[in-house]
């Protein structure tokens, strides 16, 4: 079983214009920083909730992948893909939970 959430929408604009909307953190919350360099970290706040994120992959105007989480919720992986269409740009967004396992080692001497 998978808990992946997938949404698609089409914007009547070019992939370049759609990309500017995707990397603007205001569509995700009230404030934040959504970097576009792999390995960079950022954050998104929405009211009292803050999500921390790490960028995994960036293909400007085509694809953005990041992992994000709060201290209260399990992390998830978000994949955003932009595809040109005759009418504009299709944006596909998928979010999947990331299974987290904690490991601890105890060394007795």
C-alpha atoms as a PDB file:
ATOM      1  CA  UNK A   1       0.000   0.000   0.000  1.00  0.00           C
ATOM      2  CA  UNK A   2       1.226   3.493  -0.784  1.00  0.00           C
ATOM      3  CA  UNK A   3       0.215   6.804   0.709  1.00  0.00           C
ATOM      4  CA  UNK A   4       1.393   8.851  -2.258  1.00  0.00           C
ATOM      5  CA  UNK A   5      -0.680  11.923  -3.024  1.00  0.00           C
ATOM      6  CA  UNK A   6      -0.616  13.002  -6.659  1.00  0.00           C
ATOM      7  CA  UNK A   7      -2.092  16.177  -8.150  1.00  0.00           C
ATOM      8  CA  UNK A   8      -1.893  17.752 -11.568  1.00  0.00           C
ATOM      9  CA  UNK A   9      -2.823  21.208 -12.730  1.00  0.00           C
ATOM     10  CA  UNK A  10      -2.314  23.184 -15.866  1.00  0.00           C
ATOM     11  CA  UNK A  11      -1.280  26.814 -15.951  1.00  0.00           C
ATOM     12  CA  UNK A  12      -1.814  28.978 -19.051  1.00  0.00           C
ATOM     13  CA  UNK A  13       1.811  30.108 -19.125  1.00  0.00           C
ATOM     14  CA  UNK A  14       5.234  29.005 -20.323  1.00  0.00           C
ATOM     15  CA  UNK A  15       7.365  26.525 -18.320  1.00  0.00           C
ATOM     16  CA  UNK A  16       9.664  29.446 -17.379  1.00  0.00           C
ATOM     17  CA  UNK A  17       6.741  31.381 -15.851  1.00  0.00           C
ATOM     18  CA  UNK A  18       5.356  28.238 -14.168  1.00  0.00           C
ATOM     19  CA  UNK A  19       8.816  27.522 -12.702  1.00  0.00           C
ATOM     20  CA  UNK A  20       8.819  30.945 -11.044  1.00  0.00           C
ATOM     21  CA  UNK A  21       5.549  30.012  -9.321  1.00  0.00           C
ATOM     22  CA  UNK A  22       6.905  26.611  -8.234  1.00  0.00           C
ATOM     23  CA  UNK A  23      10.017  28.059  -6.569  1.00  0.00           C
ATOM     24  CA  UNK A  24       8.060  30.851  -4.831  1.00  0.00           C
ATOM     25  CA  UNK A  25       7.437  29.525  -1.296  1.00  0.00           C
ATOM     26  CA  UNK A  26       4.232  31.568  -0.897  1.00  0.00           C
ATOM     27  CA  UNK A  27       2.157  28.795  -2.527  1.00  0.00           C
ATOM     28  CA  UNK A  28       3.218  26.462   0.304  1.00  0.00           C
ATOM     29  CA  UNK A  29       2.679  28.746   3.299  1.00  0.00           C
ATOM     30  CA  UNK A  30       2.964  32.216   4.771  1.00  0.00           C
ATOM     31  CA  UNK A  31       6.738  32.590   4.507  1.00  0.00           C
ATOM     32  CA  UNK A  32       9.853  30.608   3.772  1.00  0.00           C
ATOM     33  CA  UNK A  33      12.929  29.873   1.737  1.00  0.00           C
ATOM     34  CA  UNK A  34      12.794  27.340  -1.080  1.00  0.00           C
ATOM     35  CA  UNK A  35      16.340  27.075  -2.478  1.00  0.00           C
ATOM     36  CA  UNK A  36      17.069  25.692  -5.939  1.00  0.00           C
ATOM     37  CA  UNK A  37      20.481  24.112  -5.328  1.00  0.00           C
ATOM     38  CA  UNK A  38      20.692  20.372  -4.581  1.00  0.00           C
ATOM     39  CA  UNK A  39      21.824  19.756  -1.010  1.00  0.00           C
ATOM     40  CA  UNK A  40      20.544  23.138   0.200  1.00  0.00           C
ATOM     41  CA  UNK A  41      18.133  23.387   3.091  1.00  0.00           C
ATOM     42  CA  UNK A  42      15.170  25.689   3.523  1.00  0.00           C
ATOM     43  CA  UNK A  43      11.942  26.102   5.426  1.00  0.00           C
ATOM     44  CA  UNK A  44       8.274  26.942   4.969  1.00  0.00           C
ATOM     45  CA  UNK A  45       6.055  28.374   7.697  1.00  0.00           C
ATOM     46  CA  UNK A  46       2.281  28.264   7.692  1.00  0.00           C
ATOM     47  CA  UNK A  47       0.901  29.849  10.826  1.00  0.00           C
ATOM     48  CA  UNK A  48       2.625  28.158  13.759  1.00  0.00           C
ATOM     49  CA  UNK A  49       3.730  25.164  11.675  1.00  0.00           C
ATOM     50  CA  UNK A  50       7.232  25.102  10.199  1.00  0.00           C
ATOM     51  CA  UNK A  51       8.428  22.503   7.696  1.00  0.00           C
ATOM     52  CA  UNK A  52      12.146  22.075   7.143  1.00  0.00           C
ATOM     53  CA  UNK A  53      13.307  20.876   3.757  1.00  0.00           C
ATOM     54  CA  UNK A  54      16.348  19.610   1.896  1.00  0.00           C
ATOM     55  CA  UNK A  55      16.538  19.960  -1.878  1.00  0.00           C
ATOM     56  CA  UNK A  56      17.465  16.706  -3.632  1.00  0.00           C
ATOM     57  CA  UNK A  57      17.216  17.471  -7.326  1.00  0.00           C
ATOM     58  CA  UNK A  58      16.768  20.533  -9.542  1.00  0.00           C
ATOM     59  CA  UNK A  59      16.334  20.604 -13.305  1.00  0.00           C
ATOM     60  CA  UNK A  60      15.355  24.243 -13.830  1.00  0.00           C
ATOM     61  CA  UNK A  61      11.980  24.700 -15.521  1.00  0.00           C
ATOM     62  CA  UNK A  62      11.476  20.895 -15.540  1.00  0.00           C
ATOM     63  CA  UNK A  63      11.780  19.207 -12.128  1.00  0.00           C
ATOM     64  CA  UNK A  64      12.202  19.942  -8.418  1.00  0.00           C
ATOM     65  CA  UNK A  65      12.522  17.258  -5.730  1.00  0.00           C
ATOM     66  CA  UNK A  66      12.843  17.848  -2.003  1.00  0.00           C
ATOM     67  CA  UNK A  67      12.262  16.148   1.335  1.00  0.00           C
ATOM     68  CA  UNK A  68      10.483  17.987   4.096  1.00  0.00           C
ATOM     69  CA  UNK A  69       9.196  17.416   7.620  1.00  0.00           C
ATOM     70  CA  UNK A  70       8.089  19.021  10.832  1.00  0.00           C
ATOM     71  CA  UNK A  71       9.064  17.919  14.311  1.00  0.00           C
ATOM     72  CA  UNK A  72       5.523  16.556  14.754  1.00  0.00           C
ATOM     73  CA  UNK A  73       5.050  14.671  11.453  1.00  0.00           C
ATOM     74  CA  UNK A  74       6.925  12.029   9.512  1.00  0.00           C
ATOM     75  CA  UNK A  75       9.026  13.306   6.592  1.00  0.00           C
ATOM     76  CA  UNK A  76       7.875  13.074   2.996  1.00  0.00           C
ATOM     77  CA  UNK A  77       9.410  13.404  -0.453  1.00  0.00           C
ATOM     78  CA  UNK A  78       7.903  15.867  -2.918  1.00  0.00           C
ATOM     79  CA  UNK A  79       8.460  15.604  -6.679  1.00  0.00           C
ATOM     80  CA  UNK A  80       7.298  18.429  -8.942  1.00  0.00           C
ATOM     81  CA  UNK A  81       7.491  18.031 -12.712  1.00  0.00           C
ATOM     82  CA  UNK A  82       6.669  20.644 -15.357  1.00  0.00           C
ATOM     83  CA  UNK A  83       5.633  19.572 -18.845  1.00  0.00           C
ATOM     84  CA  UNK A  84       4.902  21.965 -21.719  1.00  0.00           C
ATOM     85  CA  UNK A  85       1.434  21.557 -23.265  1.00  0.00           C
ATOM     86  CA  UNK A  86      -0.269  23.313 -26.185  1.00  0.00           C
ATOM     87  CA  UNK A  87      -2.228  25.390 -23.649  1.00  0.00           C
ATOM     88  CA  UNK A  88       0.645  26.176 -21.258  1.00  0.00           C
ATOM     89  CA  UNK A  89       2.382  24.012 -18.650  1.00  0.00           C
ATOM     90  CA  UNK A  90       1.198  20.925 -16.765  1.00  0.00           C
ATOM     91  CA  UNK A  91       2.503  20.725 -13.213  1.00  0.00           C
ATOM     92  CA  UNK A  92       2.509  17.256 -11.630  1.00  0.00           C
ATOM     93  CA  UNK A  93       3.085  17.059  -7.873  1.00  0.00           C
ATOM     94  CA  UNK A  94       3.610  13.798  -5.975  1.00  0.00           C
ATOM     95  CA  UNK A  95       4.234  13.529  -2.240  1.00  0.00           C
ATOM     96  CA  UNK A  96       5.204  10.220  -0.634  1.00  0.00           C
ATOM     97  CA  UNK A  97       5.991   9.378   2.970  1.00  0.00           C
ATOM     98  CA  UNK A  98       9.559   8.447   3.826  1.00  0.00           C
ATOM     99  CA  UNK A  99       9.954   5.505   6.139  1.00  0.00           C
ATOM    100  CA  UNK A 100      12.191   6.514   8.999  1.00  0.00           C
ATOM    101  CA  UNK A 101      13.869   3.982  11.212  1.00  0.00           C
ATOM    102  CA  UNK A 102      15.881   4.924  14.224  1.00  0.00           C
ATOM    103  CA  UNK A 103      19.011   3.013  15.008  1.00  0.00           C
ATOM    104  CA  UNK A 104      20.871   3.107  18.236  1.00  0.00           C
ATOM    105  CA  UNK A 105      23.962   1.259  19.222  1.00  0.00           C
ATOM    106  CA  UNK A 106      24.831   0.579  22.797  1.00  0.00           C
ATOM    107  CA  UNK A 107      28.385  -0.352  23.563  1.00  0.00           C
ATOM    108  CA  UNK A 108      29.007  -1.943  26.924  1.00  0.00           C
ATOM    109  CA  UNK A 109      32.520  -2.054  28.301  1.00  0.00           C
END
